[in-house]
Structure formats: C-alpha cells, structure tokens
C-alpha atoms as a PDB file:
ATOM      1  CA  UNK A   1      -4.026 -11.456  12.729  1.00  0.00           C
ATOM      2  CA  UNK A   2      -7.276 -11.192  14.644  1.00  0.00           C
ATOM      3  CA  UNK A   3      -8.165  -7.507  14.617  1.00  0.00           C
ATOM      4  CA  UNK A   4      -9.402  -6.368  17.999  1.00  0.00           C
ATOM      5  CA  UNK A   5      -9.003  -2.639  17.668  1.00  0.00           C
ATOM      6  CA  UNK A   6      -7.927  -0.150  15.050  1.00  0.00           C
ATOM      7  CA  UNK A   7      -7.550   3.591  15.253  1.00  0.00           C
ATOM      8  CA  UNK A   8      -6.224   6.293  13.013  1.00  0.00           C
ATOM      9  CA  UNK A   9      -3.636   7.504  15.466  1.00  0.00           C
ATOM     10  CA  UNK A  10      -1.301   9.862  13.601  1.00  0.00           C
ATOM     11  CA  UNK A  11      -1.831  12.050  10.544  1.00  0.00           C
ATOM     12  CA  UNK A  12       1.171  13.833   9.046  1.00  0.00           C
ATOM     13  CA  UNK A  13       0.839  16.656   6.565  1.00  0.00           C
ATOM     14  CA  UNK A  14       3.533  18.127   4.365  1.00  0.00           C
ATOM     15  CA  UNK A  15       5.042  20.201   7.154  1.00  0.00           C
ATOM     16  CA  UNK A  16       4.608  17.705   9.998  1.00  0.00           C
ATOM     17  CA  UNK A  17       7.568  15.987  11.536  1.00  0.00           C
ATOM     18  CA  UNK A  18       7.305  12.227  11.101  1.00  0.00           C
ATOM     19  CA  UNK A  19       6.793  10.357  14.363  1.00  0.00           C
ATOM     20  CA  UNK A  20       9.387   8.034  15.798  1.00  0.00           C
ATOM     21  CA  UNK A  21       7.087   5.128  16.602  1.00  0.00           C
ATOM     22  CA  UNK A  22       7.771   2.142  18.812  1.00  0.00           C
ATOM     23  CA  UNK A  23       5.888  -0.461  16.757  1.00  0.00           C
ATOM     24  CA  UNK A  24       6.667  -2.202  13.464  1.00  0.00           C
ATOM     25  CA  UNK A  25       5.252  -0.441  10.408  1.00  0.00           C
ATOM     26  CA  UNK A  26       3.996  -1.731   7.078  1.00  0.00           C
ATOM     27  CA  UNK A  27       3.486   0.926   4.388  1.00  0.00           C
ATOM     28  CA  UNK A  28       1.052   0.982   1.463  1.00  0.00           C
ATOM     29  CA  UNK A  29       1.841   3.006  -1.639  1.00  0.00           C
ATOM     30  CA  UNK A  30      -0.045   3.271  -4.890  1.00  0.00           C
ATOM     31  CA  UNK A  31      -1.211   5.499  -7.659  1.00  0.00           C
ATOM     32  CA  UNK A  32      -4.222   7.715  -6.986  1.00  0.00           C
ATOM     33  CA  UNK A  33      -7.453   5.766  -7.360  1.00  0.00           C
ATOM     34  CA  UNK A  34      -5.803   2.332  -7.382  1.00  0.00           C
ATOM     35  CA  UNK A  35      -8.030   1.266  -4.481  1.00  0.00           C
ATOM     36  CA  UNK A  36      -5.707   1.900  -1.545  1.00  0.00           C
ATOM     37  CA  UNK A  37      -8.390   3.130   0.863  1.00  0.00           C
ATOM     38  CA  UNK A  38     -10.694   0.239  -0.083  1.00  0.00           C
ATOM     39  CA  UNK A  39      -7.870  -2.224   0.532  1.00  0.00           C
ATOM     40  CA  UNK A  40      -7.030  -0.702   3.918  1.00  0.00           C
ATOM     41  CA  UNK A  41     -10.696  -0.778   4.964  1.00  0.00           C
ATOM     42  CA  UNK A  42     -10.910  -4.383   3.776  1.00  0.00           C
ATOM     43  CA  UNK A  43      -7.800  -5.437   5.672  1.00  0.00           C
ATOM     44  CA  UNK A  44      -9.078  -3.804   8.837  1.00  0.00           C
ATOM     45  CA  UNK A  45     -12.660  -5.060   8.454  1.00  0.00           C
ATOM     46  CA  UNK A  46     -13.970  -1.515   8.603  1.00  0.00           C
ATOM     47  CA  UNK A  47     -16.341   0.179   6.212  1.00  0.00           C
ATOM     48  CA  UNK A  48     -14.956   3.672   6.141  1.00  0.00           C
ATOM     49  CA  UNK A  49     -11.936   4.088   8.358  1.00  0.00           C
ATOM     50  CA  UNK A  50      -9.842   5.107   5.359  1.00  0.00           C
ATOM     51  CA  UNK A  51     -11.860   7.580   3.309  1.00  0.00           C
ATOM     52  CA  UNK A  52     -12.554   6.226  -0.148  1.00  0.00           C
ATOM     53  CA  UNK A  53     -13.305   8.622  -2.939  1.00  0.00           C
ATOM     54  CA  UNK A  54     -14.094   8.488  -6.630  1.00  0.00           C
ATOM     55  CA  UNK A  55     -11.950  11.581  -6.915  1.00  0.00           C
ATOM     56  CA  UNK A  56      -8.267  10.683  -7.121  1.00  0.00           C
ATOM     57  CA  UNK A  57      -5.663  12.431  -5.010  1.00  0.00           C
ATOM     58  CA  UNK A  58      -7.745  12.314  -1.837  1.00  0.00           C
ATOM     59  CA  UNK A  59      -5.044  11.035   0.521  1.00  0.00           C
ATOM     60  CA  UNK A  60      -2.712  13.985   0.938  1.00  0.00           C
ATOM     61  CA  UNK A  61      -1.307  13.001   4.281  1.00  0.00           C
ATOM     62  CA  UNK A  62       0.586  10.054   5.734  1.00  0.00           C
ATOM     63  CA  UNK A  63      -1.880   8.179   7.927  1.00  0.00           C
ATOM     64  CA  UNK A  64      -0.793   5.793  10.682  1.00  0.00           C
ATOM     65  CA  UNK A  65      -3.389   3.190  11.697  1.00  0.00           C
ATOM     66  CA  UNK A  66      -2.633   1.530  15.015  1.00  0.00           C
ATOM     67  CA  UNK A  67      -3.738  -2.116  14.873  1.00  0.00           C
ATOM     68  CA  UNK A  68      -4.154  -4.012  18.168  1.00  0.00           C
ATOM     69  CA  UNK A  69      -1.483  -1.766  19.655  1.00  0.00           C
ATOM     70  CA  UNK A  70       0.960  -4.135  17.951  1.00  0.00           C
ATOM     71  CA  UNK A  71       1.734  -2.520  14.596  1.00  0.00           C
ATOM     72  CA  UNK A  72       1.102   0.461  12.337  1.00  0.00           C
ATOM     73  CA  UNK A  73      -0.366   0.231   8.905  1.00  0.00           C
ATOM     74  CA  UNK A  74       0.893   3.360   7.139  1.00  0.00           C
ATOM     75  CA  UNK A  75      -1.090   4.815   4.250  1.00  0.00           C
ATOM     76  CA  UNK A  76       1.094   6.952   1.963  1.00  0.00           C
ATOM     77  CA  UNK A  77      -0.322   9.661  -0.355  1.00  0.00           C
ATOM     78  CA  UNK A  78      -1.378   8.492  -3.813  1.00  0.00           C
ATOM     79  CA  UNK A  79       1.036   9.461  -6.565  1.00  0.00           C
ATOM     80  CA  UNK A  80       0.784  10.283 -10.241  1.00  0.00           C
ATOM     81  CA  UNK A  81      -2.503  12.188 -10.194  1.00  0.00           C
ATOM     82  CA  UNK A  82      -2.518  14.343 -13.305  1.00  0.00           C
ATOM     83  CA  UNK A  83      -4.734  17.205 -12.131  1.00  0.00           C
ATOM     84  CA  UNK A  84      -2.488  18.180  -9.280  1.00  0.00           C
ATOM     85  CA  UNK A  85       0.086  20.898  -9.814  1.00  0.00           C
ATOM     86  CA  UNK A  86       3.715  19.920 -10.200  1.00  0.00           C
ATOM     87  CA  UNK A  87       4.397  21.705  -6.930  1.00  0.00           C
ATOM     88  CA  UNK A  88       1.829  19.563  -5.096  1.00  0.00           C
ATOM     89  CA  UNK A  89       3.221  16.397  -6.659  1.00  0.00           C
ATOM     90  CA  UNK A  90       6.700  17.332  -5.547  1.00  0.00           C
ATOM     91  CA  UNK A  91       5.444  17.894  -2.019  1.00  0.00           C
ATOM     92  CA  UNK A  92       3.826  14.461  -1.887  1.00  0.00           C
ATOM     93  CA  UNK A  93       6.907  12.866  -3.443  1.00  0.00           C
ATOM     94  CA  UNK A  94       9.013  14.566  -0.807  1.00  0.00           C
ATOM     95  CA  UNK A  95       6.735  13.246   1.948  1.00  0.00           C
ATOM     96  CA  UNK A  96       6.910   9.672   0.674  1.00  0.00           C
ATOM     97  CA  UNK A  97      10.668   9.866   0.211  1.00  0.00           C
ATOM     98  CA  UNK A  98      11.117  11.359   3.638  1.00  0.00           C
ATOM     99  CA  UNK A  99       9.037   8.576   5.167  1.00  0.00           C
ATOM    100  CA  UNK A 100      10.845   5.727   3.369  1.00  0.00           C
ATOM    101  CA  UNK A 101      14.130   7.299   4.261  1.00  0.00           C
ATOM    102  CA  UNK A 102      13.579   8.077   7.900  1.00  0.00           C
ATOM    103  CA  UNK A 103      11.203   5.472   9.351  1.00  0.00           C
ATOM    104  CA  UNK A 104      13.180   3.204  11.622  1.00  0.00           C
ATOM    105  CA  UNK A 105      10.298   0.785  12.113  1.00  0.00           C
ATOM    106  CA  UNK A 106       9.347   0.185   8.482  1.00  0.00           C
ATOM    107  CA  UNK A 107       9.394  -3.551   7.801  1.00  0.00           C
ATOM    108  CA  UNK A 108       7.758  -3.802   4.371  1.00  0.00           C
ATOM    109  CA  UNK A 109       6.339  -1.711   1.538  1.00  0.00           C
ATOM    110  CA  UNK A 110       3.296  -2.911  -0.380  1.00  0.00           C
ATOM    111  CA  UNK A 111       2.886  -1.340  -3.796  1.00  0.00           C
ATOM    112  CA  UNK A 112      -0.615  -1.391  -5.275  1.00  0.00           C
ATOM    113  CA  UNK A 113      -0.991  -1.846  -9.020  1.00  0.00           C
ATOM    114  CA  UNK A 114      -4.284  -1.985 -10.949  1.00  0.00           C
ATOM    115  CA  UNK A 115      -4.395  -5.548 -12.323  1.00  0.00           C
ATOM    116  CA  UNK A 116      -6.399  -4.469 -15.399  1.00  0.00           C
ATOM    117  CA  UNK A 117      -3.715  -2.316 -16.985  1.00  0.00           C
ATOM    118  CA  UNK A 118      -0.019  -2.347 -17.697  1.00  0.00           C
ATOM    119  CA  UNK A 119       1.826  -0.580 -14.872  1.00  0.00           C
ATOM    120  CA  UNK A 120       2.315   3.092 -15.750  1.00  0.00           C
ATOM    121  CA  UNK A 121       5.575   5.011 -15.930  1.00  0.00           C
ATOM    122  CA  UNK A 122       4.732   6.363 -12.457  1.00  0.00           C
ATOM    123  CA  UNK A 123       4.261   2.816 -11.141  1.00  0.00           C
ATOM    124  CA  UNK A 124       7.631   1.740 -12.523  1.00  0.00           C
ATOM    125  CA  UNK A 125       9.322   4.824 -11.065  1.00  0.00           C
ATOM    126  CA  UNK A 126       7.728   4.152  -7.691  1.00  0.00           C
ATOM    127  CA  UNK A 127       8.799   0.514  -7.760  1.00  0.00           C
ATOM    128  CA  UNK A 128      12.397   1.393  -8.668  1.00  0.00           C
ATOM    129  CA  UNK A 129      12.422   4.145  -6.098  1.00  0.00           C
ATOM    130  CA  UNK A 130      11.281   1.887  -3.255  1.00  0.00           C
ATOM    131  CA  UNK A 131      13.977  -0.623  -4.275  1.00  0.00           C
ATOM    132  CA  UNK A 132      16.507   2.226  -4.332  1.00  0.00           C
ATOM    133  CA  UNK A 133      15.507   3.089  -0.746  1.00  0.00           C
ATOM    134  CA  UNK A 134      16.499  -0.448   0.247  1.00  0.00           C
ATOM    135  CA  UNK A 135      13.140  -2.243   0.316  1.00  0.00           C
ATOM    136  CA  UNK A 136      11.741  -5.083  -1.795  1.00  0.00           C
ATOM    137  CA  UNK A 137       8.204  -3.967  -2.612  1.00  0.00           C
ATOM    138  CA  UNK A 138       5.461  -6.579  -2.393  1.00  0.00           C
ATOM    139  CA  UNK A 139       2.912  -6.096  -5.166  1.00  0.00           C
ATOM    140  CA  UNK A 140      -0.831  -6.088  -4.510  1.00  0.00           C
ATOM    141  CA  UNK A 141      -2.737  -6.324  -7.789  1.00  0.00           C
ATOM    142  CA  UNK A 142      -6.025  -4.536  -7.038  1.00  0.00           C
ATOM    143  CA  UNK A 143      -9.422  -4.555  -8.798  1.00  0.00           C
ATOM    144  CA  UNK A 144      -9.279  -8.314  -9.272  1.00  0.00           C
ATOM    145  CA  UNK A 145     -13.069  -8.483  -9.674  1.00  0.00           C
ATOM    146  CA  UNK A 146     -12.824  -6.344 -12.820  1.00  0.00           C
ATOM    147  CA  UNK A 147     -11.150  -9.050 -14.920  1.00  0.00           C
ATOM    148  CA  UNK A 148     -12.116 -12.630 -15.774  1.00  0.00           C
ATOM    149  CA  UNK A 149     -10.609 -15.382 -13.702  1.00  0.00           C
ATOM    150  CA  UNK A 150      -9.004 -16.839 -16.830  1.00  0.00           C
ATOM    151  CA  UNK A 151      -7.075 -13.561 -17.341  1.00  0.00           C
ATOM    152  CA  UNK A 152      -5.534 -13.339 -13.877  1.00  0.00           C
ATOM    153  CA  UNK A 153      -2.267 -15.189 -14.577  1.00  0.00           C
ATOM    154  CA  UNK A 154      -1.702 -13.304 -17.820  1.00  0.00           C
ATOM    155  CA  UNK A 155      -2.171  -9.944 -16.068  1.00  0.00           C
ATOM    156  CA  UNK A 156       0.057 -10.940 -13.141  1.00  0.00           C
ATOM    157  CA  UNK A 157       2.758 -11.871 -15.685  1.00  0.00           C
ATOM    158  CA  UNK A 158       2.278  -8.497 -17.410  1.00  0.00           C
ATOM    159  CA  UNK A 159       2.817  -6.654 -14.088  1.00  0.00           C
ATOM    160  CA  UNK A 160       5.909  -8.753 -13.355  1.00  0.00           C
ATOM    161  CA  UNK A 161       7.464  -8.060 -16.733  1.00  0.00           C
ATOM    162  CA  UNK A 162       6.587  -4.390 -16.953  1.00  0.00           C
ATOM    163  CA  UNK A 163       7.889  -3.588 -13.455  1.00  0.00           C
ATOM    164  CA  UNK A 164      10.823  -5.978 -13.886  1.00  0.00           C
ATOM    165  CA  UNK A 165      10.262  -7.200 -10.354  1.00  0.00           C
ATOM    166  CA  UNK A 166      13.000  -8.997  -8.507  1.00  0.00           C
ATOM    167  CA  UNK A 167      12.740 -12.808  -8.727  1.00  0.00           C
ATOM    168  CA  UNK A 168      10.611 -14.214  -5.917  1.00  0.00           C
ATOM    169  CA  UNK A 169       8.607 -10.988  -5.423  1.00  0.00           C
ATOM    170  CA  UNK A 170       5.103 -11.872  -4.204  1.00  0.00           C
ATOM    171  CA  UNK A 171       2.255 -10.545  -6.375  1.00  0.00           C
ATOM    172  CA  UNK A 172      -1.044 -10.836  -4.522  1.00  0.00           C
ATOM    173  CA  UNK A 173      -4.282 -10.260  -6.477  1.00  0.00           C
ATOM    174  CA  UNK A 174      -6.959  -8.547  -4.352  1.00  0.00           C
ATOM    175  CA  UNK A 175     -10.649  -7.765  -4.770  1.00  0.00           C
ATOM    176  CA  UNK A 176     -12.242  -5.058  -2.620  1.00  0.00           C
ATOM    177  CA  UNK A 177     -15.653  -6.553  -3.421  1.00  0.00           C
ATOM    178  CA  UNK A 178     -15.136 -10.181  -2.454  1.00  0.00           C
ATOM    179  CA  UNK A 179     -12.100  -9.535  -0.194  1.00  0.00           C
ATOM    180  CA  UNK A 180     -10.304 -12.271  -2.123  1.00  0.00           C
ATOM    181  CA  UNK A 181      -6.606 -11.985  -1.293  1.00  0.00           C
ATOM    182  CA  UNK A 182      -7.169 -10.525   2.183  1.00  0.00           C
ATOM    183  CA  UNK A 183      -5.991 -13.673   3.990  1.00  0.00           C
ATOM    184  CA  UNK A 184      -2.866 -13.947   1.858  1.00  0.00           C
ATOM    185  CA  UNK A 185      -1.935 -10.321   2.520  1.00  0.00           C
ATOM    186  CA  UNK A 186      -2.424 -10.729   6.280  1.00  0.00           C
ATOM    187  CA  UNK A 187      -0.511 -14.006   6.352  1.00  0.00           C
ATOM    188  CA  UNK A 188       2.396 -12.326   4.622  1.00  0.00           C
ATOM    189  CA  UNK A 189       2.307  -9.335   6.997  1.00  0.00           C
ATOM    190  CA  UNK A 190       2.132 -11.614  10.035  1.00  0.00           C
ATOM    191  CA  UNK A 191       5.111 -13.546   8.714  1.00  0.00           C
ATOM    192  CA  UNK A 192       7.115 -10.373   7.994  1.00  0.00           C
ATOM    193  CA  UNK A 193       6.405  -8.957  11.440  1.00  0.00           C
ATOM    194  CA  UNK A 194       6.897 -12.229  13.299  1.00  0.00           C
ATOM    195  CA  UNK A 195       3.256 -12.501  14.369  1.00  0.00           C
ATOM    196  CA  UNK A 196       2.714 -16.050  13.082  1.00  0.00           C
ATOM    197  CA  UNK A 197       1.969 -17.269  16.586  1.00  0.00           C
ATOM    198  CA  UNK A 198      -1.034 -14.951  16.809  1.00  0.00           C
ATOM    199  CA  UNK A 199      -2.780 -15.879  13.572  1.00  0.00           C
ATOM    200  CA  UNK A 200      -6.163 -17.520  13.693  1.00  0.00           C
END
C-alpha cells in the first residue's frame, strides 16, 4: 500500500466504549517492549507517530490509526509487563479480550515475538487466546537485527515449535533498524484486506 495519510484517530482507555468502525481493521499485539511501536512507525513511514519507549508498559490504550481512510491499524496494549499490578494487567487483558471479541471489522491479528528468545509463557497464552477467539495469528518476529543472519531460520523454527503454531502460519522476521520485512508485512495485509490492486 502506498501510504498517503495516517492519523491516530481513536484512543480507547479502559472505560471507553470501543468504536464501531466502518473500515477493515488489522490488530497488533505483543509483549511489552517487543518493539510494537517501532514496527508501527516503520510500517507507516513515520518517526514517532506511535510513541516508543525504553520503559515497557507504555501503551495502555487501544490506538486506532486511520491509514489512507481505507483501513485501521489497531495497536493493542502490551501484555506481560512484570512491574504492573495484577489489577492493571487484568484491566489490559480485559481490554484486549473485549476488542478481539467485539470488533466486527477485525480481519487479522499480528502477534509480535522477540526473535532472540524462546516465546514466553505469556506469548504462548496470548497466541492460544487469539486462536480461541477465532483468529489465526500471524507472527512477526521482531528485533531481527539483533541476531546473525545464519541464526534466523533456527530462531524462526524455535518460535514455531514453542508456540505450536498452526501449519501454514506465516512468520515474518522484521528489523526496525533496516526495515527488513516491511514489504512482506504490507503485502500480506494488502492481500488479507483485498487491496492487492492498490499495491505499488
């Protein structure tokens, strides 16, 4: 997709009612500090539309980015951040569940996993949970620049096995530094949303 305009259009907090939008939505979920904001900025060719932070647990709202007035990219709160109270975690979990459950326009869920490490218990729970809600998560393996090229396949295999992903699940390695993987992610989103005609 050629990005002509992007704006952060809707922000939902814990008590907000989720909007009933009229455009297809693609959601991004991931553990705190997995590089979600960097990925979203990279996909949208913007430096700091999504606020990146070295401090995990920054995204505490559901953010809807309107792209070209054609679709929403939905940024879900990071999960599994240890320093947040159980109560807070439950609130965020509730928000994510509520969103997955009630969005009528959601077409795909991308789950971000740090390619360097084995997926955590939280990652596995999130994966199973998204599947339980009726979606087949697409995996984006972030922080690709942090491992050697020769290790990529081994780490992708590790993610596959640990999450026990469904056969045929795409796993797309991505680097926020070089933007490697950006095209593949967009191509997949365009395909899922039926935008193939509009690709460059």
